[in-house]
């Protein structure tokens, strides 16, 4: 159980580190006040309105009804943490308390005696007397 918990915690920490270091880009294409397409990490698809208007007038339109919005969240670039920057004192209680909570016994069903009907081995020879080992 402890190994499974450790693997899950390690996986969560790796995903959290990956998510915090990647730069996220959300691109939206808005036409006539409505969101037509939303794309993550790539450019949003065009609705084709600008191409249709340019074909009719044979020139590019300056005042188009379409807008492109792009929101970029930059990831963390500086990951060097020195040991002098870490302050563990506020987290000591949380760690100890979580360990105590995870080791709580919730009833007598956890204390099952598995060898209740197991007979003891038969004593063939007195080994303490043969080896001359005595408790003092």
N, C-alpha and C. Protein backbone atom coordinates (compact mmCIF):
# COMPACT_ATOMS: atom_id res chain seq x y z
N UNK A 1 0.82 -1.19 0.00
CA UNK A 1 0.00 0.00 0.00
C UNK A 1 0.87 1.26 0.00
N UNK A 2 1.96 1.21 0.77
CA UNK A 2 2.83 2.37 0.86
C UNK A 2 3.52 2.63 -0.48
N UNK A 3 3.89 1.56 -1.19
CA UNK A 3 4.55 1.74 -2.48
C UNK A 3 3.58 2.32 -3.51
N UNK A 4 2.34 1.90 -3.47
CA UNK A 4 1.33 2.41 -4.40
C UNK A 4 1.11 3.89 -4.12
N UNK A 5 0.99 4.26 -2.83
CA UNK A 5 0.82 5.65 -2.46
C UNK A 5 2.01 6.49 -2.91
N UNK A 6 3.19 5.93 -2.76
CA UNK A 6 4.41 6.64 -3.16
C UNK A 6 4.45 6.84 -4.68
N UNK A 7 4.05 5.83 -5.44
CA UNK A 7 4.03 5.95 -6.91
C UNK A 7 3.00 6.98 -7.37
N UNK A 8 1.83 6.98 -6.74
CA UNK A 8 0.79 7.93 -7.10
C UNK A 8 1.25 9.35 -6.78
N UNK A 9 1.84 9.54 -5.62
CA UNK A 9 2.33 10.87 -5.24
C UNK A 9 3.44 11.32 -6.18
N UNK A 10 4.32 10.42 -6.57
CA UNK A 10 5.40 10.77 -7.50
C UNK A 10 4.84 11.16 -8.86
N UNK A 11 3.84 10.44 -9.32
CA UNK A 11 3.21 10.75 -10.61
C UNK A 11 2.52 12.11 -10.56
N UNK A 12 1.83 12.41 -9.48
CA UNK A 12 1.16 13.70 -9.33
C UNK A 12 2.18 14.83 -9.31
N UNK A 13 3.28 14.64 -8.62
CA UNK A 13 4.32 15.67 -8.55
C UNK A 13 4.97 15.88 -9.92
N UNK A 14 5.19 14.81 -10.68
CA UNK A 14 5.78 14.94 -12.02
C UNK A 14 4.84 15.68 -12.96
N UNK A 15 3.55 15.39 -12.90
CA UNK A 15 2.57 16.08 -13.75
C UNK A 15 2.47 17.54 -13.34
N UNK A 16 2.51 17.82 -12.05
CA UNK A 16 2.46 19.20 -11.58
C UNK A 16 3.69 19.99 -12.05
N UNK A 17 4.86 19.38 -12.01
CA UNK A 17 6.06 20.03 -12.50
C UNK A 17 5.98 20.27 -14.00
N UNK A 18 5.48 19.30 -14.73
CA UNK A 18 5.33 19.45 -16.18
C UNK A 18 4.33 20.55 -16.52
N UNK A 19 3.21 20.60 -15.81
CA UNK A 19 2.19 21.60 -16.08
C UNK A 19 2.68 23.01 -15.74
N UNK A 20 3.55 23.14 -14.75
CA UNK A 20 4.00 24.48 -14.36
C UNK A 20 5.14 24.99 -15.23
N UNK A 21 5.84 24.12 -15.94
CA UNK A 21 6.96 24.57 -16.76
C UNK A 21 6.59 24.77 -18.23
N UNK A 22 5.45 24.28 -18.67
CA UNK A 22 5.02 24.44 -20.05
C UNK A 22 4.35 25.80 -20.20
N UNK A 23 4.62 26.47 -21.30
CA UNK A 23 3.90 27.70 -21.62
C UNK A 23 2.60 27.32 -22.34
N UNK A 24 1.49 27.85 -21.86
CA UNK A 24 0.18 27.52 -22.40
C UNK A 24 -0.29 28.66 -23.29
N UNK A 25 -0.79 28.32 -24.48
CA UNK A 25 -1.34 29.31 -25.40
C UNK A 25 -2.75 28.90 -25.78
N UNK A 26 -3.69 29.79 -25.51
CA UNK A 26 -5.09 29.56 -25.87
C UNK A 26 -5.45 30.57 -26.94
N UNK A 27 -5.84 30.09 -28.10
CA UNK A 27 -6.13 30.94 -29.25
C UNK A 27 -7.62 30.82 -29.58
N UNK A 28 -8.30 31.97 -29.73
CA UNK A 28 -9.73 31.97 -30.03
C UNK A 28 -9.98 32.77 -31.31
N UNK A 29 -10.88 32.28 -32.13
CA UNK A 29 -11.32 33.02 -33.32
C UNK A 29 -12.77 33.42 -33.08
N UNK A 30 -13.02 34.74 -33.12
CA UNK A 30 -14.34 35.28 -32.82
C UNK A 30 -14.88 35.94 -34.10
N UNK A 31 -16.08 35.54 -34.49
CA UNK A 31 -16.72 36.09 -35.68
C UNK A 31 -18.11 36.60 -35.29
N UNK A 32 -18.36 37.88 -35.54
CA UNK A 32 -19.64 38.53 -35.23
C UNK A 32 -20.00 38.38 -33.74
N UNK A 33 -19.00 38.43 -32.89
CA UNK A 33 -19.23 38.37 -31.45
C UNK A 33 -19.40 36.97 -30.89
N UNK A 34 -19.28 35.95 -31.71
CA UNK A 34 -19.41 34.57 -31.24
C UNK A 34 -18.10 33.84 -31.43
N UNK A 35 -17.79 32.97 -30.48
CA UNK A 35 -16.56 32.19 -30.57
C UNK A 35 -16.77 31.06 -31.56
N UNK A 36 -15.95 31.06 -32.61
CA UNK A 36 -16.08 30.05 -33.66
C UNK A 36 -15.19 28.85 -33.34
N UNK A 37 -13.95 29.11 -32.94
CA UNK A 37 -13.01 28.01 -32.70
C UNK A 37 -12.08 28.39 -31.55
N UNK A 38 -11.75 27.39 -30.75
CA UNK A 38 -10.79 27.54 -29.66
C UNK A 38 -9.74 26.47 -29.84
N UNK A 39 -8.47 26.87 -29.73
CA UNK A 39 -7.37 25.91 -29.89
C UNK A 39 -6.35 26.11 -28.78
N UNK A 40 -5.81 25.02 -28.32
CA UNK A 40 -4.78 25.03 -27.30
C UNK A 40 -3.47 24.64 -27.97
N UNK A 41 -2.41 25.41 -27.80
CA UNK A 41 -1.08 25.19 -28.36
C UNK A 41 -1.00 25.41 -29.87
N UNK A 42 -2.06 25.77 -30.54
CA UNK A 42 -2.00 25.98 -31.99
C UNK A 42 -2.91 27.16 -32.36
N UNK A 43 -2.92 27.52 -33.64
CA UNK A 43 -3.74 28.63 -34.11
C UNK A 43 -5.15 28.13 -34.35
N UNK A 44 -6.12 28.92 -33.94
CA UNK A 44 -7.53 28.56 -34.14
C UNK A 44 -7.89 28.64 -35.62
N UNK A 45 -8.79 27.77 -36.06
CA UNK A 45 -9.20 27.75 -37.47
C UNK A 45 -10.05 28.97 -37.80
N UNK A 46 -9.85 29.48 -39.00
CA UNK A 46 -10.57 30.65 -39.48
C UNK A 46 -11.95 30.22 -39.95
N UNK A 47 -12.92 31.14 -39.84
CA UNK A 47 -14.28 30.81 -40.28
C UNK A 47 -14.46 30.95 -41.78
N UNK A 48 -13.52 31.61 -42.46
CA UNK A 48 -13.60 31.76 -43.90
C UNK A 48 -14.29 33.03 -44.35
N UNK A 49 -14.72 33.85 -43.39
CA UNK A 49 -15.42 35.09 -43.72
C UNK A 49 -14.48 36.08 -44.40
N UNK A 50 -13.26 36.20 -43.94
CA UNK A 50 -12.32 37.16 -44.52
C UNK A 50 -11.95 36.76 -45.95
N UNK A 51 -11.79 35.49 -46.21
CA UNK A 51 -11.47 35.03 -47.56
C UNK A 51 -12.63 35.28 -48.51
N UNK A 52 -13.85 35.09 -48.02
CA UNK A 52 -15.02 35.32 -48.86
C UNK A 52 -15.19 36.80 -49.19
N UNK A 53 -14.96 37.66 -48.20
CA UNK A 53 -15.06 39.11 -48.42
C UNK A 53 -13.96 39.61 -49.35
N UNK A 54 -12.77 39.06 -49.23
CA UNK A 54 -11.65 39.46 -50.10
C UNK A 54 -11.90 39.01 -51.54
N UNK A 55 -12.59 37.89 -51.74
CA UNK A 55 -12.87 37.41 -53.09
C UNK A 55 -13.87 38.32 -53.80
N UNK A 56 -14.83 38.87 -53.03
CA UNK A 56 -15.82 39.76 -53.64
C UNK A 56 -15.24 41.12 -53.99
N UNK A 57 -14.37 41.64 -53.13
CA UNK A 57 -13.87 42.99 -53.34
C UNK A 57 -12.48 43.03 -53.94
N UNK A 58 -11.86 41.85 -54.12
CA UNK A 58 -10.52 41.72 -54.70
C UNK A 58 -9.44 42.47 -53.91
N UNK A 59 -9.64 42.65 -52.64
CA UNK A 59 -8.61 43.27 -51.79
C UNK A 59 -8.86 42.83 -50.34
N UNK A 60 -7.84 42.95 -49.56
CA UNK A 60 -7.96 42.55 -48.16
C UNK A 60 -8.79 43.58 -47.40
N UNK A 61 -9.56 43.12 -46.50
CA UNK A 61 -10.45 44.00 -45.74
C UNK A 61 -9.75 44.43 -44.46
N UNK A 62 -9.72 45.72 -44.21
CA UNK A 62 -9.09 46.24 -43.01
C UNK A 62 -10.01 46.08 -41.80
N UNK A 63 -11.27 46.45 -41.95
CA UNK A 63 -12.23 46.39 -40.85
C UNK A 63 -13.07 45.12 -41.00
N UNK A 64 -12.56 44.04 -40.52
CA UNK A 64 -13.25 42.76 -40.65
C UNK A 64 -14.16 42.54 -39.44
N UNK A 65 -15.12 41.66 -39.60
CA UNK A 65 -16.00 41.31 -38.49
C UNK A 65 -15.38 40.24 -37.60
N UNK A 66 -14.25 39.70 -38.01
CA UNK A 66 -13.59 38.63 -37.27
C UNK A 66 -12.45 39.17 -36.42
N UNK A 67 -12.26 38.55 -35.26
CA UNK A 67 -11.16 38.90 -34.36
C UNK A 67 -10.46 37.61 -33.93
N UNK A 68 -9.18 37.73 -33.70
CA UNK A 68 -8.39 36.62 -33.16
C UNK A 68 -7.84 37.06 -31.81
N UNK A 69 -8.11 36.26 -30.77
CA UNK A 69 -7.58 36.52 -29.44
C UNK A 69 -6.63 35.40 -29.07
N UNK A 70 -5.53 35.79 -28.47
CA UNK A 70 -4.54 34.80 -28.06
C UNK A 70 -4.11 35.11 -26.63
N UNK A 71 -4.24 34.15 -25.75
CA UNK A 71 -3.84 34.30 -24.35
C UNK A 71 -2.69 33.33 -24.11
N UNK A 72 -1.56 33.87 -23.65
CA UNK A 72 -0.39 33.04 -23.39
C UNK A 72 -0.03 33.11 -21.92
N UNK A 73 0.08 31.97 -21.29
CA UNK A 73 0.54 31.87 -19.90
C UNK A 73 1.93 31.28 -19.94
N UNK A 74 2.89 32.08 -19.57
CA UNK A 74 4.28 31.63 -19.63
C UNK A 74 4.59 30.72 -18.46
N UNK A 75 5.30 29.64 -18.77
CA UNK A 75 5.68 28.68 -17.74
C UNK A 75 6.85 29.17 -16.92
N UNK A 76 7.11 28.46 -15.88
CA UNK A 76 8.20 28.82 -14.98
C UNK A 76 9.52 28.41 -15.62
N UNK A 77 10.43 29.36 -15.76
CA UNK A 77 11.73 29.08 -16.36
C UNK A 77 12.81 28.82 -15.31
N UNK A 78 12.67 29.41 -14.15
CA UNK A 78 13.70 29.33 -13.12
C UNK A 78 13.31 28.24 -12.12
N UNK A 79 13.92 27.08 -12.22
CA UNK A 79 13.58 25.98 -11.33
C UNK A 79 14.69 25.65 -10.33
N UNK A 80 15.77 26.45 -10.30
CA UNK A 80 16.83 26.20 -9.34
C UNK A 80 16.40 26.70 -7.97
N UNK A 81 16.26 25.79 -7.05
CA UNK A 81 15.89 26.15 -5.68
C UNK A 81 17.04 25.73 -4.77
N UNK A 82 17.55 26.66 -4.03
CA UNK A 82 18.62 26.34 -3.10
C UNK A 82 18.00 25.90 -1.78
N UNK A 83 18.76 25.20 -0.99
CA UNK A 83 18.26 24.73 0.29
C UNK A 83 18.08 25.87 1.28
N UNK A 84 18.70 26.99 1.05
CA UNK A 84 18.54 28.13 1.94
C UNK A 84 17.19 28.81 1.73
N UNK A 85 16.58 28.63 0.58
CA UNK A 85 15.29 29.24 0.28
C UNK A 85 14.12 28.45 0.84
N UNK A 86 14.33 27.20 1.20
CA UNK A 86 13.24 26.34 1.66
C UNK A 86 13.04 26.52 3.15
N UNK A 87 11.81 26.79 3.55
CA UNK A 87 11.46 26.91 4.95
C UNK A 87 10.49 25.79 5.28
N UNK A 88 10.94 24.82 6.05
CA UNK A 88 10.16 23.61 6.31
C UNK A 88 9.28 23.75 7.54
N UNK A 89 9.55 24.70 8.41
CA UNK A 89 8.84 24.79 9.68
C UNK A 89 7.32 24.83 9.56
N UNK A 90 6.72 25.58 8.63
CA UNK A 90 5.25 25.57 8.56
C UNK A 90 4.67 24.23 8.12
N UNK A 91 5.45 23.40 7.45
CA UNK A 91 4.92 22.16 6.90
C UNK A 91 5.14 20.95 7.81
N UNK A 92 5.90 21.11 8.87
CA UNK A 92 6.21 19.97 9.74
C UNK A 92 4.94 19.43 10.36
N UNK A 93 4.08 20.30 10.89
CA UNK A 93 2.84 19.84 11.51
C UNK A 93 1.94 19.14 10.50
N UNK A 94 1.86 19.68 9.29
CA UNK A 94 1.01 19.08 8.26
C UNK A 94 1.49 17.69 7.89
N UNK A 95 2.78 17.51 7.76
CA UNK A 95 3.33 16.20 7.40
C UNK A 95 3.10 15.20 8.51
N UNK A 96 3.38 15.61 9.75
CA UNK A 96 3.20 14.69 10.89
C UNK A 96 1.74 14.35 11.06
N UNK A 97 0.87 15.33 10.94
CA UNK A 97 -0.56 15.09 11.11
C UNK A 97 -1.09 14.18 10.01
N UNK A 98 -0.64 14.35 8.77
CA UNK A 98 -1.11 13.48 7.70
C UNK A 98 -0.61 12.05 7.90
N UNK A 99 0.61 11.88 8.39
CA UNK A 99 1.11 10.53 8.66
C UNK A 99 0.29 9.88 9.78
N UNK A 100 -0.07 10.64 10.81
CA UNK A 100 -0.89 10.09 11.88
C UNK A 100 -2.27 9.72 11.37
N UNK A 101 -2.84 10.54 10.50
CA UNK A 101 -4.16 10.25 9.96
C UNK A 101 -4.14 9.01 9.08
N UNK A 102 -3.09 8.82 8.30
CA UNK A 102 -3.02 7.66 7.41
C UNK A 102 -2.81 6.36 8.17
N UNK A 103 -2.26 6.43 9.38
CA UNK A 103 -2.01 5.23 10.17
C UNK A 103 -3.05 4.98 11.24
N UNK A 104 -4.22 5.60 11.14
CA UNK A 104 -5.28 5.42 12.13
C UNK A 104 -5.90 4.03 11.97
N UNK A 105 -6.16 3.38 13.10
CA UNK A 105 -6.86 2.09 13.09
C UNK A 105 -8.34 2.37 13.24
N UNK A 106 -9.16 1.81 12.37
CA UNK A 106 -10.58 2.08 12.37
C UNK A 106 -11.40 0.94 12.97
N UNK A 107 -10.81 0.08 13.73
CA UNK A 107 -11.59 -0.94 14.39
C UNK A 107 -10.82 -2.23 14.60
N UNK A 108 -11.43 -3.16 15.35
CA UNK A 108 -10.74 -4.42 15.66
C UNK A 108 -10.62 -5.35 14.47
N UNK A 109 -11.31 -5.09 13.37
CA UNK A 109 -11.20 -5.98 12.21
C UNK A 109 -9.82 -5.92 11.57
N UNK A 110 -9.03 -4.90 11.92
CA UNK A 110 -7.68 -4.82 11.40
C UNK A 110 -6.72 -5.76 12.13
N UNK A 111 -7.12 -6.20 13.32
CA UNK A 111 -6.26 -7.06 14.13
C UNK A 111 -6.72 -8.51 14.05
N UNK A 112 -6.72 -9.07 12.87
CA UNK A 112 -7.10 -10.46 12.71
C UNK A 112 -5.90 -11.35 12.99
N UNK A 113 -6.12 -12.35 13.81
CA UNK A 113 -5.06 -13.30 14.12
C UNK A 113 -5.15 -14.41 13.08
N UNK A 114 -4.16 -14.49 12.21
CA UNK A 114 -4.22 -15.45 11.12
C UNK A 114 -3.77 -16.84 11.53
N UNK A 115 -3.00 -16.97 12.60
CA UNK A 115 -2.50 -18.28 13.02
C UNK A 115 -3.20 -18.76 14.28
N UNK A 116 -4.47 -18.48 14.43
CA UNK A 116 -5.21 -18.86 15.64
C UNK A 116 -5.33 -20.38 15.77
N UNK A 117 -5.52 -21.08 14.69
CA UNK A 117 -5.71 -22.53 14.74
C UNK A 117 -4.47 -23.29 14.30
N UNK A 118 -3.34 -22.63 14.27
CA UNK A 118 -2.11 -23.27 13.85
C UNK A 118 -1.49 -23.96 15.06
N UNK A 119 -1.28 -25.28 14.98
CA UNK A 119 -0.71 -25.98 16.15
C UNK A 119 0.80 -25.70 16.27
N UNK A 120 1.32 -25.61 17.47
CA UNK A 120 2.76 -25.38 17.64
C UNK A 120 3.54 -26.61 17.18
N UNK A 121 4.80 -26.42 16.81
CA UNK A 121 5.59 -27.57 16.37
C UNK A 121 5.90 -28.51 17.54
N UNK A 122 6.09 -29.80 17.22
CA UNK A 122 6.40 -30.79 18.25
C UNK A 122 7.88 -30.68 18.63
N UNK A 123 8.14 -30.71 19.92
CA UNK A 123 9.52 -30.61 20.40
C UNK A 123 10.12 -32.02 20.39
N UNK A 124 11.13 -32.21 19.57
CA UNK A 124 11.77 -33.51 19.46
C UNK A 124 12.92 -33.61 20.45
N UNK A 125 13.74 -32.58 20.52
CA UNK A 125 14.87 -32.56 21.44
C UNK A 125 14.88 -31.21 22.14
N UNK A 126 15.48 -31.17 23.32
CA UNK A 126 15.62 -29.91 24.03
C UNK A 126 16.86 -29.20 23.50
N UNK A 127 16.67 -28.28 22.58
CA UNK A 127 17.78 -27.64 21.86
C UNK A 127 18.59 -26.74 22.79
N UNK A 128 17.94 -26.11 23.77
CA UNK A 128 18.68 -25.25 24.70
C UNK A 128 19.68 -26.06 25.52
N UNK A 129 19.28 -27.25 25.90
CA UNK A 129 20.17 -28.10 26.68
C UNK A 129 21.29 -28.67 25.81
N UNK A 130 20.98 -29.01 24.55
CA UNK A 130 22.00 -29.52 23.65
C UNK A 130 23.04 -28.45 23.30
N UNK A 131 22.58 -27.22 23.08
CA UNK A 131 23.52 -26.15 22.75
C UNK A 131 24.10 -25.47 23.99
N UNK A 132 23.59 -25.83 25.15
CA UNK A 132 24.02 -25.27 26.43
C UNK A 132 23.85 -23.75 26.45
N UNK A 133 22.66 -23.31 26.03
CA UNK A 133 22.31 -21.90 26.05
C UNK A 133 21.20 -21.75 27.06
N UNK A 134 21.46 -20.93 28.11
CA UNK A 134 20.48 -20.76 29.19
C UNK A 134 20.26 -19.28 29.44
N UNK A 135 19.05 -18.91 29.86
CA UNK A 135 18.75 -17.54 30.24
C UNK A 135 19.22 -17.32 31.66
N UNK A 136 19.90 -16.22 31.89
CA UNK A 136 20.42 -15.93 33.23
C UNK A 136 19.58 -14.83 33.85
